[in-house]
Amino acid sequence: MSKMDDLRAMREARYEQMTARAGKPAASPTKKKRPALPPVEVEDSAVRPEPGEGLCGHRAISGRTCTREQGHAAKSHRYS
């Protein structure tokens, strides 16, 4: 047998194993699911502080806020 014949035989054997496994039902999970946590109530003022007067106030992922004027025409924000 050549190398390619060996590879083809291995691929066909693997395919047969996969099709045999697909026909069996999935095993039931052994891990227990965690109970759902109760919702936490947070005031809006604690989550979103009011931006300064006339500022855009857009928040970046890093937590910084935009210092451009409210409703600015620029496409990008300027953070500080």
N, C-alpha and C. Protein backbone atom coordinates (compact mmCIF):
# COMPACT_ATOMS: atom_id res chain seq x y z
N MET A 1 0.84 -1.19 0.00
CA MET A 1 0.00 0.00 0.00
C MET A 1 0.88 1.24 0.00
N SER A 2 0.42 2.22 -0.69
CA SER A 2 1.16 3.46 -0.71
C SER A 2 0.73 4.35 0.46
N LYS A 3 1.45 5.43 0.62
CA LYS A 3 1.13 6.37 1.70
C LYS A 3 -0.28 6.93 1.53
N MET A 4 -0.66 7.24 0.31
CA MET A 4 -2.00 7.80 0.05
C MET A 4 -3.08 6.77 0.36
N ASP A 5 -2.83 5.50 0.07
CA ASP A 5 -3.81 4.46 0.39
C ASP A 5 -3.98 4.33 1.91
N ASP A 6 -2.87 4.43 2.65
CA ASP A 6 -2.94 4.38 4.12
C ASP A 6 -3.76 5.56 4.66
N LEU A 7 -3.49 6.75 4.12
CA LEU A 7 -4.23 7.94 4.57
C LEU A 7 -5.72 7.81 4.26
N ARG A 8 -6.04 7.31 3.09
CA ARG A 8 -7.44 7.13 2.70
C ARG A 8 -8.14 6.12 3.62
N ALA A 9 -7.45 5.04 3.95
CA ALA A 9 -8.03 4.03 4.84
C ALA A 9 -8.26 4.60 6.24
N MET A 10 -7.30 5.41 6.74
CA MET A 10 -7.47 6.03 8.06
C MET A 10 -8.64 7.00 8.05
N ARG A 11 -8.77 7.78 6.96
CA ARG A 11 -9.86 8.75 6.86
C ARG A 11 -11.21 8.03 6.81
N GLU A 12 -11.30 6.94 6.08
CA GLU A 12 -12.55 6.18 6.00
C GLU A 12 -12.89 5.54 7.34
N ALA A 13 -11.89 5.07 8.08
CA ALA A 13 -12.14 4.49 9.39
C ALA A 13 -12.65 5.56 10.36
N ARG A 14 -12.04 6.73 10.30
CA ARG A 14 -12.48 7.83 11.16
C ARG A 14 -13.91 8.25 10.81
N TYR A 15 -14.24 8.27 9.51
CA TYR A 15 -15.59 8.61 9.07
C TYR A 15 -16.59 7.59 9.61
N GLU A 16 -16.26 6.33 9.56
CA GLU A 16 -17.14 5.29 10.09
C GLU A 16 -17.38 5.47 11.59
N GLN A 17 -16.32 5.81 12.33
CA GLN A 17 -16.47 6.04 13.77
C GLN A 17 -17.40 7.22 14.05
N MET A 18 -17.24 8.29 13.28
CA MET A 18 -18.06 9.48 13.49
C MET A 18 -19.53 9.20 13.17
N THR A 19 -19.79 8.45 12.11
CA THR A 19 -21.19 8.16 11.77
C THR A 19 -21.81 7.21 12.79
N ALA A 20 -21.00 6.31 13.36
CA ALA A 20 -21.52 5.41 14.39
C ALA A 20 -21.85 6.18 15.66
N ARG A 21 -21.01 7.17 16.00
CA ARG A 21 -21.26 7.98 17.19
C ARG A 21 -22.48 8.88 17.01
N ALA A 22 -22.69 9.36 15.79
CA ALA A 22 -23.80 10.26 15.52
C ALA A 22 -25.15 9.56 15.72
N GLY A 23 -25.19 8.27 15.54
CA GLY A 23 -26.43 7.53 15.69
C GLY A 23 -26.81 7.28 17.14
N LYS A 24 -25.85 7.38 18.05
CA LYS A 24 -26.13 7.13 19.47
C LYS A 24 -26.67 8.40 20.12
N PRO A 25 -27.56 8.25 21.12
CA PRO A 25 -28.04 9.45 21.83
C PRO A 25 -26.92 10.05 22.67
N ALA A 26 -27.00 11.33 22.88
CA ALA A 26 -25.98 12.03 23.66
C ALA A 26 -26.06 11.62 25.12
N ALA A 27 -24.92 11.61 25.77
CA ALA A 27 -24.86 11.27 27.19
C ALA A 27 -25.49 12.39 28.00
N SER A 28 -26.13 12.04 29.10
CA SER A 28 -26.74 13.07 29.95
C SER A 28 -25.64 13.80 30.70
N PRO A 29 -25.81 15.10 30.91
CA PRO A 29 -24.78 15.86 31.60
C PRO A 29 -24.68 15.45 33.07
N THR A 30 -23.46 15.37 33.57
CA THR A 30 -23.27 14.97 34.96
C THR A 30 -23.12 16.18 35.88
N LYS A 31 -22.84 17.35 35.31
CA LYS A 31 -22.71 18.55 36.13
C LYS A 31 -24.09 19.09 36.47
N LYS A 32 -24.21 19.61 37.67
CA LYS A 32 -25.46 20.24 38.07
C LYS A 32 -25.41 21.70 37.66
N LYS A 33 -26.53 22.21 37.22
CA LYS A 33 -26.60 23.60 36.83
C LYS A 33 -26.72 24.46 38.08
N ARG A 34 -26.10 25.62 38.02
CA ARG A 34 -26.20 26.56 39.14
C ARG A 34 -27.59 27.18 39.16
N PRO A 35 -28.11 27.46 40.35
CA PRO A 35 -29.40 28.14 40.40
C PRO A 35 -29.23 29.59 39.92
N ALA A 36 -30.28 30.11 39.34
CA ALA A 36 -30.23 31.47 38.84
C ALA A 36 -30.11 32.45 40.00
N LEU A 37 -29.26 33.46 39.82
CA LEU A 37 -29.09 34.47 40.85
C LEU A 37 -30.25 35.46 40.79
N PRO A 38 -30.69 35.97 41.94
CA PRO A 38 -31.77 36.95 41.91
C PRO A 38 -31.26 38.25 41.30
N PRO A 39 -32.13 39.00 40.62
CA PRO A 39 -31.69 40.25 40.01
C PRO A 39 -31.29 41.27 41.08
N VAL A 40 -30.27 42.04 40.76
CA VAL A 40 -29.78 43.06 41.68
C VAL A 40 -30.34 44.40 41.23
N GLU A 41 -30.93 45.12 42.16
CA GLU A 41 -31.50 46.43 41.85
C GLU A 41 -30.44 47.50 42.05
N VAL A 42 -30.21 48.31 41.01
CA VAL A 42 -29.23 49.38 41.07
C VAL A 42 -29.90 50.64 40.58
N GLU A 43 -29.64 51.73 41.27
CA GLU A 43 -30.21 53.01 40.85
C GLU A 43 -29.53 53.46 39.57
N ASP A 44 -30.28 54.15 38.70
CA ASP A 44 -29.73 54.62 37.44
C ASP A 44 -28.60 55.63 37.66
N SER A 45 -28.69 56.46 38.68
CA SER A 45 -27.66 57.47 38.91
C SER A 45 -26.33 56.82 39.27
N ALA A 46 -26.36 55.63 39.89
CA ALA A 46 -25.12 54.94 40.24
C ALA A 46 -24.48 54.32 39.00
N VAL A 47 -25.30 53.92 38.02
CA VAL A 47 -24.78 53.28 36.83
C VAL A 47 -24.30 54.31 35.82
N ARG A 48 -25.08 55.37 35.61
CA ARG A 48 -24.75 56.38 34.62
C ARG A 48 -24.70 57.76 35.26
N PRO A 49 -23.52 58.19 35.63
CA PRO A 49 -23.43 59.54 36.19
C PRO A 49 -23.74 60.58 35.12
N GLU A 50 -24.31 61.67 35.52
CA GLU A 50 -24.68 62.73 34.59
C GLU A 50 -23.42 63.39 34.05
N PRO A 51 -23.32 63.58 32.73
CA PRO A 51 -22.16 64.28 32.18
C PRO A 51 -22.22 65.76 32.53
N GLY A 52 -21.09 66.43 32.43
CA GLY A 52 -21.05 67.87 32.71
C GLY A 52 -21.95 68.63 31.76
N GLU A 53 -22.23 69.90 32.09
CA GLU A 53 -23.14 70.71 31.27
C GLU A 53 -22.62 70.84 29.85
N GLY A 54 -23.45 70.52 28.87
CA GLY A 54 -23.12 70.70 27.48
C GLY A 54 -22.14 69.69 26.91
N LEU A 55 -21.76 68.66 27.68
CA LEU A 55 -20.82 67.67 27.17
C LEU A 55 -21.57 66.47 26.62
N CYS A 56 -20.94 65.79 25.67
CA CYS A 56 -21.54 64.62 25.03
C CYS A 56 -21.76 63.52 26.06
N GLY A 57 -20.71 63.19 26.81
CA GLY A 57 -20.84 62.19 27.86
C GLY A 57 -20.80 60.75 27.40
N HIS A 58 -20.47 60.50 26.13
CA HIS A 58 -20.38 59.12 25.64
C HIS A 58 -19.29 58.39 26.41
N ARG A 59 -19.59 57.15 26.85
CA ARG A 59 -18.64 56.39 27.66
C ARG A 59 -17.88 55.41 26.77
N ALA A 60 -16.55 55.39 26.92
CA ALA A 60 -15.71 54.42 26.22
C ALA A 60 -15.66 53.14 27.03
N ILE A 61 -15.15 52.08 26.44
CA ILE A 61 -15.02 50.80 27.13
C ILE A 61 -14.13 50.97 28.36
N SER A 62 -13.12 51.83 28.25
CA SER A 62 -12.19 52.04 29.35
C SER A 62 -12.80 52.83 30.49
N GLY A 63 -14.01 53.39 30.29
CA GLY A 63 -14.68 54.13 31.35
C GLY A 63 -14.54 55.64 31.21
N ARG A 64 -13.74 56.09 30.25
CA ARG A 64 -13.57 57.54 30.06
C ARG A 64 -14.78 58.11 29.32
N THR A 65 -15.03 59.40 29.48
CA THR A 65 -16.19 60.04 28.86
C THR A 65 -15.75 61.06 27.82
N CYS A 66 -16.61 61.27 26.84
CA CYS A 66 -16.33 62.20 25.75
C CYS A 66 -16.43 63.63 26.26
N THR A 67 -15.46 64.48 25.86
CA THR A 67 -15.45 65.88 26.31
C THR A 67 -15.92 66.84 25.22
N ARG A 68 -16.40 66.33 24.11
CA ARG A 68 -16.94 67.21 23.07
C ARG A 68 -18.30 67.73 23.51
N GLU A 69 -18.79 68.76 22.82
CA GLU A 69 -20.07 69.36 23.18
C GLU A 69 -21.21 68.40 22.86
N GLN A 70 -22.33 68.59 23.53
CA GLN A 70 -23.52 67.76 23.34
C GLN A 70 -23.97 67.83 21.89
N GLY A 71 -24.21 66.68 21.26
CA GLY A 71 -24.70 66.61 19.88
C GLY A 71 -23.65 67.02 18.86
N HIS A 72 -22.38 66.76 19.12
CA HIS A 72 -21.31 67.20 18.21
C HIS A 72 -21.45 66.53 16.86
N ALA A 73 -20.96 67.23 15.82
CA ALA A 73 -21.05 66.73 14.45
C ALA A 73 -19.89 65.80 14.10
N ALA A 74 -18.85 65.81 14.91
CA ALA A 74 -17.69 64.97 14.62
C ALA A 74 -18.08 63.50 14.77
N LYS A 75 -17.52 62.66 13.91
CA LYS A 75 -17.84 61.23 13.96
C LYS A 75 -17.18 60.54 15.13
N SER A 76 -16.02 61.04 15.55
CA SER A 76 -15.29 60.40 16.64
C SER A 76 -15.50 61.16 17.94
N HIS A 77 -15.27 60.49 19.04
CA HIS A 77 -15.38 61.11 20.35
C HIS A 77 -13.99 61.47 20.86
N ARG A 78 -13.91 62.46 21.72
CA ARG A 78 -12.65 62.88 22.32
C ARG A 78 -12.76 62.55 23.80
N TYR A 79 -11.95 61.62 24.28
CA TYR A 79 -12.04 61.16 25.65
C TYR A 79 -10.97 61.80 26.52
N SER A 80 -11.30 61.93 27.81
CA SER A 80 -10.30 62.43 28.75
C SER A 80 -10.30 61.54 29.97
